[in-house]
C-alpha cells in the first residue's frame, strides 16, 4: 500500500473525533519557533507609543509581558495543545515609521516532544491585542494582521522557513 500524498490531520481519529495527539513515545528534541504579526495605527497613536506618551503607561513593556505570559498559557487557551516546559520566550518590536506599523516578533524555545509554533503565534496575537487595548483611547481604527509562522525547527518535520 502506498502512502497518501495528501497530508492528514493528526488531531482526529479514524471516526473523525477530536483527539489529543499522543507524543509519549517521541524523543525530546530542541525546538524553536519564530512568529510575527503587526499592528497598524494612526500617526498620532504611533508617535505616542514610540515616544512613551500613552496615558495607560509603557505600551511595549506591558505588551512584551503579555506576549510572554500568553506563550506560557497556550494549553489553557487552545484545545488539544500540550503543556510544555518552555525554555525561553523573546518578544521584540520593530517600528516601521513610514507606514505607522509596529511589527511584533516572538521567539519561543523548548527541549521537548512537540513544537512551540502555537506558543509563538499566541504570543504575537496577545501582544498585539495588548497594544490595541492600551491605545484604543487614541485610535479605535487600529488593524492587527499578518500573524504568521516565520520559522520552526526541531522534531520529525525538521526546519520550516516561510518564503515571502
N, C-alpha and C. Protein backbone atom coordinates (compact mmCIF):
# COMPACT_ATOMS: atom_id res chain seq x y z
N UNK A 1 0.85 -1.18 0.00
CA UNK A 1 0.00 0.00 0.00
C UNK A 1 0.90 1.24 0.00
N UNK A 2 0.60 2.19 -0.83
CA UNK A 2 1.40 3.41 -0.90
C UNK A 2 0.82 4.46 0.04
N UNK A 3 1.71 5.31 0.54
CA UNK A 3 1.28 6.40 1.41
C UNK A 3 0.59 7.48 0.59
N UNK A 4 -0.40 8.08 1.19
CA UNK A 4 -1.11 9.17 0.52
C UNK A 4 -0.22 10.40 0.46
N UNK A 5 -0.29 11.11 -0.64
CA UNK A 5 0.45 12.36 -0.76
C UNK A 5 -0.30 13.52 -0.12
N UNK A 6 -1.54 13.27 0.28
CA UNK A 6 -2.35 14.29 0.94
C UNK A 6 -2.06 14.27 2.43
N UNK A 7 -1.68 15.41 3.01
CA UNK A 7 -1.41 15.43 4.45
C UNK A 7 -2.68 15.09 5.23
N UNK A 8 -2.49 14.43 6.37
CA UNK A 8 -3.62 14.10 7.23
C UNK A 8 -3.60 15.01 8.46
N UNK A 9 -4.78 15.17 9.04
CA UNK A 9 -4.88 15.95 10.26
C UNK A 9 -4.66 15.02 11.44
N UNK A 10 -3.70 15.34 12.29
CA UNK A 10 -3.34 14.45 13.39
C UNK A 10 -4.24 14.56 14.61
N UNK A 11 -5.13 15.53 14.64
CA UNK A 11 -5.97 15.74 15.81
C UNK A 11 -7.35 15.09 15.68
N UNK A 12 -7.47 14.12 14.75
CA UNK A 12 -8.73 13.38 14.58
C UNK A 12 -8.43 11.90 14.49
N UNK A 13 -9.30 11.09 15.11
CA UNK A 13 -9.14 9.65 14.98
C UNK A 13 -9.85 9.15 13.71
N UNK A 14 -9.87 7.84 13.51
CA UNK A 14 -10.45 7.26 12.30
C UNK A 14 -11.94 7.57 12.16
N UNK A 15 -12.62 7.81 13.27
CA UNK A 15 -14.05 8.13 13.25
C UNK A 15 -14.33 9.63 13.13
N UNK A 16 -13.28 10.43 13.08
CA UNK A 16 -13.45 11.88 12.97
C UNK A 16 -13.58 12.61 14.30
N UNK A 17 -13.32 11.91 15.39
CA UNK A 17 -13.40 12.52 16.72
C UNK A 17 -12.12 13.30 17.02
N UNK A 18 -12.27 14.45 17.65
CA UNK A 18 -11.10 15.24 18.05
C UNK A 18 -10.33 14.50 19.14
N UNK A 19 -9.02 14.45 19.00
CA UNK A 19 -8.16 13.78 19.98
C UNK A 19 -6.93 14.64 20.26
N UNK A 20 -6.31 14.40 21.40
CA UNK A 20 -5.02 15.00 21.69
C UNK A 20 -3.96 14.00 21.21
N UNK A 21 -3.06 14.45 20.38
CA UNK A 21 -2.04 13.58 19.81
C UNK A 21 -1.17 13.01 20.92
N UNK A 22 -0.91 11.71 20.86
CA UNK A 22 -0.06 11.04 21.85
C UNK A 22 1.40 11.26 21.46
N UNK A 23 2.13 12.02 22.27
CA UNK A 23 3.54 12.28 22.00
C UNK A 23 4.44 11.50 22.95
N UNK A 24 3.86 10.58 23.71
CA UNK A 24 4.59 9.84 24.74
C UNK A 24 5.81 9.09 24.24
N UNK A 25 5.74 8.53 23.06
CA UNK A 25 6.85 7.73 22.55
C UNK A 25 7.89 8.56 21.81
N UNK A 26 7.63 9.82 21.60
CA UNK A 26 8.57 10.66 20.86
C UNK A 26 9.78 11.03 21.71
N UNK A 27 10.91 11.17 21.08
CA UNK A 27 12.11 11.62 21.78
C UNK A 27 12.13 13.14 21.83
N UNK A 28 12.51 13.71 22.97
CA UNK A 28 12.61 15.17 23.05
C UNK A 28 13.72 15.69 22.13
N UNK A 29 13.48 16.81 21.51
CA UNK A 29 14.49 17.49 20.69
C UNK A 29 14.42 18.98 20.99
N UNK A 30 15.47 19.68 20.62
CA UNK A 30 15.44 21.14 20.74
C UNK A 30 14.49 21.68 19.69
N UNK A 31 13.62 22.57 20.12
CA UNK A 31 12.60 23.11 19.22
C UNK A 31 12.56 24.63 19.36
N UNK A 32 12.33 25.27 18.23
CA UNK A 32 12.29 26.73 18.19
C UNK A 32 11.21 27.14 17.21
N UNK A 33 10.49 28.19 17.54
CA UNK A 33 9.52 28.76 16.61
C UNK A 33 9.61 30.28 16.68
N UNK A 34 9.52 30.90 15.53
CA UNK A 34 9.51 32.37 15.43
C UNK A 34 8.26 32.76 14.65
N UNK A 35 7.47 33.65 15.24
CA UNK A 35 6.26 34.14 14.59
C UNK A 35 6.28 35.66 14.60
N UNK A 36 5.52 36.23 13.68
CA UNK A 36 5.43 37.69 13.66
C UNK A 36 4.01 38.11 13.31
N UNK A 37 3.75 39.36 13.54
CA UNK A 37 2.48 39.98 13.22
C UNK A 37 2.67 41.48 13.31
N UNK A 38 1.61 42.22 13.05
CA UNK A 38 1.75 43.67 13.07
C UNK A 38 0.48 44.34 13.55
N UNK A 39 0.65 45.57 13.98
CA UNK A 39 -0.50 46.42 14.29
C UNK A 39 -0.26 47.76 13.60
N UNK A 40 -1.23 48.15 12.80
CA UNK A 40 -1.17 49.41 12.07
C UNK A 40 -2.06 50.40 12.79
N UNK A 41 -1.55 51.62 12.99
CA UNK A 41 -2.31 52.62 13.74
C UNK A 41 -2.14 54.00 13.14
N UNK A 42 -2.95 54.90 13.65
CA UNK A 42 -2.87 56.29 13.17
C UNK A 42 -1.50 56.87 13.50
N UNK A 43 -1.13 57.90 12.78
CA UNK A 43 0.14 58.57 13.02
C UNK A 43 0.23 59.07 14.46
N UNK A 44 -0.87 59.64 14.98
CA UNK A 44 -0.89 60.15 16.35
C UNK A 44 -0.62 59.03 17.36
N UNK A 45 -1.32 57.93 17.23
CA UNK A 45 -1.12 56.81 18.17
C UNK A 45 0.28 56.25 18.03
N UNK A 46 0.74 56.07 16.80
CA UNK A 46 2.06 55.52 16.54
C UNK A 46 3.15 56.37 17.21
N UNK A 47 3.10 57.68 17.00
CA UNK A 47 4.09 58.57 17.58
C UNK A 47 4.02 58.55 19.12
N UNK A 48 2.83 58.50 19.65
CA UNK A 48 2.67 58.48 21.11
C UNK A 48 3.24 57.19 21.71
N UNK A 49 3.02 56.06 21.04
CA UNK A 49 3.62 54.81 21.52
C UNK A 49 5.13 54.91 21.47
N UNK A 50 5.63 55.36 20.35
CA UNK A 50 7.08 55.45 20.13
C UNK A 50 7.75 56.38 21.15
N UNK A 51 7.05 57.45 21.51
CA UNK A 51 7.60 58.44 22.45
C UNK A 51 7.22 58.15 23.90
N UNK A 52 6.48 57.09 24.15
CA UNK A 52 6.08 56.73 25.52
C UNK A 52 5.05 57.68 26.10
N UNK A 53 4.14 58.19 25.27
CA UNK A 53 3.16 59.17 25.74
C UNK A 53 1.72 58.64 25.74
N UNK A 54 1.55 57.36 25.92
CA UNK A 54 0.20 56.80 26.04
C UNK A 54 -0.17 56.82 27.52
N UNK A 55 -1.37 57.32 27.82
CA UNK A 55 -1.79 57.53 29.22
C UNK A 55 -1.74 56.26 30.07
N UNK A 56 -1.98 55.11 29.47
CA UNK A 56 -2.00 53.86 30.24
C UNK A 56 -0.61 53.38 30.64
N UNK A 57 0.45 53.98 30.09
CA UNK A 57 1.80 53.61 30.51
C UNK A 57 2.66 53.07 29.39
N UNK A 58 3.60 52.23 29.78
CA UNK A 58 4.61 51.66 28.88
C UNK A 58 3.97 50.58 28.01
N UNK A 59 3.47 50.98 26.85
CA UNK A 59 2.72 50.08 25.98
C UNK A 59 3.54 48.85 25.60
N UNK A 60 4.75 49.04 25.12
CA UNK A 60 5.53 47.91 24.64
C UNK A 60 6.04 47.04 25.79
N UNK A 61 6.32 47.64 26.93
CA UNK A 61 6.72 46.86 28.10
C UNK A 61 5.60 45.94 28.56
N UNK A 62 4.39 46.47 28.61
CA UNK A 62 3.24 45.66 29.01
C UNK A 62 2.94 44.61 27.94
N UNK A 63 3.01 44.99 26.67
CA UNK A 63 2.76 44.04 25.58
C UNK A 63 3.79 42.91 25.58
N UNK A 64 5.02 43.23 25.91
CA UNK A 64 6.08 42.21 25.98
C UNK A 64 5.73 41.18 27.06
N UNK A 65 5.36 41.64 28.24
CA UNK A 65 4.99 40.73 29.33
C UNK A 65 3.75 39.92 28.94
N UNK A 66 2.76 40.56 28.31
CA UNK A 66 1.54 39.86 27.88
C UNK A 66 1.87 38.76 26.87
N UNK A 67 2.78 39.03 25.94
CA UNK A 67 3.18 38.03 24.96
C UNK A 67 3.86 36.84 25.60
N UNK A 68 4.72 37.12 26.57
CA UNK A 68 5.41 36.03 27.30
C UNK A 68 4.40 35.20 28.08
N UNK A 69 3.51 35.88 28.80
CA UNK A 69 2.50 35.16 29.57
C UNK A 69 1.60 34.32 28.67
N UNK A 70 1.21 34.87 27.53
CA UNK A 70 0.34 34.14 26.60
C UNK A 70 1.01 32.88 26.09
N UNK A 71 2.29 32.96 25.75
CA UNK A 71 3.01 31.78 25.26
C UNK A 71 3.01 30.67 26.30
N UNK A 72 3.04 31.04 27.56
CA UNK A 72 3.05 30.06 28.65
C UNK A 72 1.67 29.48 28.95
N UNK A 73 0.62 30.11 28.44
CA UNK A 73 -0.76 29.70 28.74
C UNK A 73 -1.48 29.01 27.58
N UNK A 74 -0.78 28.67 26.54
CA UNK A 74 -1.43 28.11 25.35
C UNK A 74 -2.32 26.89 25.66
N UNK A 75 -1.89 25.93 26.48
CA UNK A 75 -2.77 24.79 26.74
C UNK A 75 -4.08 25.17 27.43
N UNK A 76 -4.13 26.31 28.09
CA UNK A 76 -5.36 26.78 28.72
C UNK A 76 -6.27 27.49 27.71
N UNK A 77 -5.73 27.86 26.56
CA UNK A 77 -6.47 28.64 25.57
C UNK A 77 -6.86 27.84 24.33
N UNK A 78 -6.01 26.95 23.89
CA UNK A 78 -6.23 26.25 22.63
C UNK A 78 -6.40 24.75 22.92
N UNK A 79 -7.58 24.22 22.62
CA UNK A 79 -7.83 22.80 22.91
C UNK A 79 -6.82 21.89 22.20
N UNK A 80 -6.50 20.81 22.86
CA UNK A 80 -5.66 19.73 22.33
C UNK A 80 -4.18 20.05 22.24
N UNK A 81 -3.76 21.23 22.71
CA UNK A 81 -2.32 21.52 22.76
C UNK A 81 -1.76 20.94 24.05
N UNK A 82 -0.47 20.63 24.02
CA UNK A 82 0.19 20.01 25.16
C UNK A 82 0.82 21.06 26.07
N UNK A 83 0.77 20.83 27.38
CA UNK A 83 1.53 21.70 28.29
C UNK A 83 3.03 21.48 28.04
N UNK A 84 3.77 22.55 27.95
CA UNK A 84 5.20 22.45 27.63
C UNK A 84 6.03 23.16 28.68
N UNK A 85 7.23 22.67 28.87
CA UNK A 85 8.22 23.37 29.68
C UNK A 85 8.98 24.29 28.72
N UNK A 86 8.58 25.53 28.69
CA UNK A 86 9.19 26.49 27.77
C UNK A 86 10.51 26.97 28.37
N UNK A 87 11.55 26.95 27.54
CA UNK A 87 12.87 27.40 27.97
C UNK A 87 13.07 28.89 27.80
N UNK A 88 12.44 29.45 26.74
CA UNK A 88 12.63 30.88 26.52
C UNK A 88 11.49 31.44 25.69
N UNK A 89 11.20 32.71 25.94
CA UNK A 89 10.27 33.48 25.12
C UNK A 89 10.86 34.88 24.99
N UNK A 90 11.07 35.31 23.77
CA UNK A 90 11.52 36.68 23.50
C UNK A 90 10.44 37.38 22.68
N UNK A 91 10.12 38.60 23.08
CA UNK A 91 9.15 39.41 22.34
C UNK A 91 9.87 40.70 21.94
N UNK A 92 9.94 40.94 20.64
CA UNK A 92 10.63 42.12 20.12
C UNK A 92 9.68 42.92 19.24
N UNK A 93 9.96 44.21 19.13
CA UNK A 93 9.14 45.12 18.35
C UNK A 93 10.02 45.88 17.36
N UNK A 94 9.50 46.08 16.17
CA UNK A 94 10.18 46.86 15.14
C UNK A 94 9.21 47.95 14.68
N UNK A 95 9.68 49.19 14.70
CA UNK A 95 8.87 50.32 14.24
C UNK A 95 9.08 50.52 12.75
N UNK A 96 7.98 50.65 12.02
CA UNK A 96 8.01 50.96 10.59
C UNK A 96 7.40 52.35 10.43
N UNK A 97 8.27 53.36 10.55
CA UNK A 97 7.85 54.76 10.59
C UNK A 97 7.01 55.19 9.39
N UNK A 98 7.41 54.74 8.21
CA UNK A 98 6.74 55.20 7.00
C UNK A 98 5.27 54.76 6.93
N UNK A 99 4.94 53.64 7.59
CA UNK A 99 3.58 53.10 7.49
C UNK A 99 2.79 53.15 8.79
N UNK A 100 3.40 53.60 9.88
CA UNK A 100 2.71 53.61 11.17
C UNK A 100 2.42 52.21 11.67
N UNK A 101 3.35 51.31 11.44
CA UNK A 101 3.18 49.90 11.81
C UNK A 101 4.20 49.51 12.87
N UNK A 102 3.72 48.79 13.87
CA UNK A 102 4.61 48.16 14.84
C UNK A 102 4.58 46.66 14.55
N UNK A 103 5.73 46.11 14.20
CA UNK A 103 5.86 44.68 13.95
C UNK A 103 6.22 43.99 15.26
N UNK A 104 5.59 42.88 15.51
CA UNK A 104 5.82 42.10 16.73
C UNK A 104 6.45 40.78 16.31
N UNK A 105 7.54 40.41 16.96
CA UNK A 105 8.23 39.16 16.65
C UNK A 105 8.41 38.38 17.96
N UNK A 106 7.95 37.15 17.98
CA UNK A 106 8.05 36.32 19.18
C UNK A 106 8.83 35.05 18.84
N UNK A 107 9.83 34.77 19.67
CA UNK A 107 10.64 33.56 19.55
C UNK A 107 10.42 32.72 20.80
N UNK A 108 10.10 31.44 20.59
CA UNK A 108 9.87 30.51 21.70
C UNK A 108 10.76 29.30 21.50
N UNK A 109 11.40 28.87 22.58
CA UNK A 109 12.25 27.69 22.53
C UNK A 109 11.95 26.72 23.65
N UNK A 110 12.17 25.44 23.36
CA UNK A 110 11.99 24.39 24.37
C UNK A 110 12.83 23.19 23.96
N UNK A 111 12.95 22.25 24.86
CA UNK A 111 13.51 20.94 24.56
C UNK A 111 12.41 19.97 24.94
N UNK A 112 11.70 19.45 23.95
CA UNK A 112 10.55 18.63 24.27
C UNK A 112 10.12 17.74 23.13
N UNK A 113 8.90 17.19 23.30
CA UNK A 113 8.37 16.20 22.37
C UNK A 113 7.43 16.79 21.33
N UNK A 114 7.12 18.06 21.44
CA UNK A 114 6.23 18.70 20.48
C UNK A 114 6.66 20.15 20.29
N UNK A 115 6.26 20.73 19.18
CA UNK A 115 6.74 22.05 18.79
C UNK A 115 6.10 23.20 19.55
N UNK A 116 6.64 24.38 19.33
CA UNK A 116 6.20 25.59 20.04
C UNK A 116 5.64 26.65 19.08
N UNK A 117 5.15 26.21 17.92
CA UNK A 117 4.57 27.14 16.96
C UNK A 117 3.37 27.87 17.54
N UNK A 118 2.49 27.14 18.20
CA UNK A 118 1.28 27.76 18.75
C UNK A 118 1.63 28.76 19.84
N UNK A 119 2.67 28.47 20.59
CA UNK A 119 3.10 29.39 21.64
C UNK A 119 3.60 30.70 21.04
N UNK A 120 4.38 30.61 19.97
CA UNK A 120 4.89 31.83 19.32
C UNK A 120 3.75 32.62 18.68
N UNK A 121 2.85 31.95 17.99
CA UNK A 121 1.72 32.63 17.34
C UNK A 121 0.78 33.27 18.37
N UNK A 122 0.55 32.59 19.47
CA UNK A 122 -0.30 33.14 20.53
C UNK A 122 0.37 34.34 21.18
N UNK A 123 1.67 34.25 21.40
CA UNK A 123 2.41 35.38 21.97
C UNK A 123 2.29 36.63 21.12
N UNK A 124 2.42 36.47 19.79
CA UNK A 124 2.27 37.60 18.87
C UNK A 124 0.87 38.18 18.97
N UNK A 125 -0.13 37.32 18.93
CA UNK A 125 -1.52 37.76 18.93
C UNK A 125 -1.88 38.53 20.19
N UNK A 126 -1.47 38.01 21.34
CA UNK A 126 -1.82 38.67 22.61
C UNK A 126 -1.01 39.95 22.80
N UNK A 127 0.22 39.99 22.35
CA UNK A 127 0.99 41.24 22.41
C UNK A 127 0.30 42.31 21.56
N UNK A 128 -0.16 41.94 20.38
CA UNK A 128 -0.87 42.89 19.52
C UNK A 128 -2.17 43.35 20.15
N UNK A 129 -2.92 42.44 20.73
CA UNK A 129 -4.17 42.80 21.40
C UNK A 129 -3.91 43.72 22.59
N UNK A 130 -2.82 43.52 23.27
CA UNK A 130 -2.46 44.38 24.40
C UNK A 130 -2.15 45.79 23.92
N UNK A 131 -1.41 45.91 22.83
CA UNK A 131 -1.14 47.23 22.25
C UNK A 131 -2.45 47.90 21.89
N UNK A 132 -3.34 47.15 21.25
CA UNK A 132 -4.65 47.71 20.89
C UNK A 132 -5.37 48.22 22.13
N UNK A 133 -5.43 47.39 23.16
CA UNK A 133 -6.14 47.77 24.38
C UNK A 133 -5.57 49.04 25.00
N UNK A 134 -4.25 49.15 25.02
CA UNK A 134 -3.63 50.30 25.66
C UNK A 134 -3.72 51.57 24.83
N UNK A 135 -3.98 51.43 23.52
CA UNK A 135 -4.01 52.60 22.63
C UNK A 135 -5.41 52.95 22.12
N UNK A 136 -6.40 52.18 22.46
CA UNK A 136 -7.74 52.37 21.87
C UNK A 136 -8.38 53.71 22.21
N UNK A 137 -7.95 54.34 23.31
CA UNK A 137 -8.49 55.67 23.63
C UNK A 137 -8.02 56.71 22.60
N UNK A 138 -6.89 56.45 21.97
CA UNK A 138 -6.33 57.37 20.98
C UNK A 138 -6.76 56.98 19.56
N UNK A 139 -6.89 55.67 19.30
CA UNK A 139 -7.18 55.20 17.94
C UNK A 139 -7.94 53.88 17.99
N UNK A 140 -9.22 53.93 17.68
CA UNK A 140 -10.03 52.71 17.65
C UNK A 140 -9.99 52.01 16.29
N UNK A 141 -9.34 52.60 15.32
CA UNK A 141 -9.31 52.03 13.98
C UNK A 141 -8.05 51.21 13.69
N UNK A 142 -7.29 50.87 14.73
CA UNK A 142 -6.08 50.07 14.53
C UNK A 142 -6.43 48.74 13.89
N UNK A 143 -5.48 48.18 13.14
CA UNK A 143 -5.67 46.90 12.47
C UNK A 143 -4.54 45.96 12.87
N UNK A 144 -4.93 44.80 13.37
CA UNK A 144 -3.98 43.74 13.70
C UNK A 144 -3.97 42.77 12.52
N UNK A 145 -2.79 42.39 12.06
CA UNK A 145 -2.76 41.49 10.92
C UNK A 145 -1.43 40.82 10.71
N UNK A 146 -1.38 40.07 9.63
CA UNK A 146 -0.15 39.42 9.16
C UNK A 146 0.46 38.48 10.18
N UNK A 147 -0.35 37.88 11.04
CA UNK A 147 0.19 36.94 12.03
C UNK A 147 0.54 35.65 11.29
N UNK A 148 1.81 35.25 11.42
CA UNK A 148 2.26 34.06 10.70
C UNK A 148 3.49 33.46 11.35
N UNK A 149 3.72 32.19 11.04
CA UNK A 149 4.92 31.50 11.45
C UNK A 149 6.03 31.83 10.46
N UNK A 150 7.16 32.32 10.96
CA UNK A 150 8.29 32.64 10.10
C UNK A 150 9.26 31.47 9.98
N UNK A 151 9.46 30.77 11.12
CA UNK A 151 10.45 29.70 11.14
C UNK A 151 10.13 28.75 12.27
N UNK A 152 10.43 27.47 12.05
CA UNK A 152 10.37 26.49 13.12
C UNK A 152 11.45 25.46 12.87
N UNK A 153 11.96 24.90 13.95
CA UNK A 153 12.95 23.84 13.82
C UNK A 153 12.73 22.83 14.93
N UNK A 154 13.23 21.63 14.68
CA UNK A 154 13.10 20.54 15.63
C UNK A 154 11.98 19.60 15.25
N UNK A 155 12.05 18.39 15.79
CA UNK A 155 11.02 17.40 15.52
C UNK A 155 11.22 16.71 14.19
N UNK A 156 10.32 15.76 13.90
CA UNK A 156 10.50 14.95 12.70
C UNK A 156 10.26 15.71 11.41
N UNK A 157 9.49 16.81 11.47
CA UNK A 157 9.25 17.57 10.23
C UNK A 157 10.42 18.51 9.90
N UNK A 158 11.37 18.62 10.82
CA UNK A 158 12.58 19.40 10.54
C UNK A 158 12.38 20.90 10.53
N UNK A 159 13.07 21.56 9.61
CA UNK A 159 13.09 23.02 9.57
C UNK A 159 12.07 23.54 8.56
N UNK A 160 11.33 24.54 8.97
CA UNK A 160 10.42 25.28 8.09
C UNK A 160 10.85 26.73 8.12
N UNK A 161 11.01 27.34 6.96
CA UNK A 161 11.28 28.76 6.85
C UNK A 161 10.28 29.32 5.86
N UNK A 162 9.51 30.31 6.30
CA UNK A 162 8.50 30.93 5.44
C UNK A 162 9.18 31.63 4.27
N UNK A 163 8.67 31.39 3.10
CA UNK A 163 9.20 32.10 1.93
C UNK A 163 8.23 33.25 1.62
N UNK A 164 8.78 34.40 1.36
CA UNK A 164 7.95 35.58 1.06
C UNK A 164 7.82 35.75 -0.42
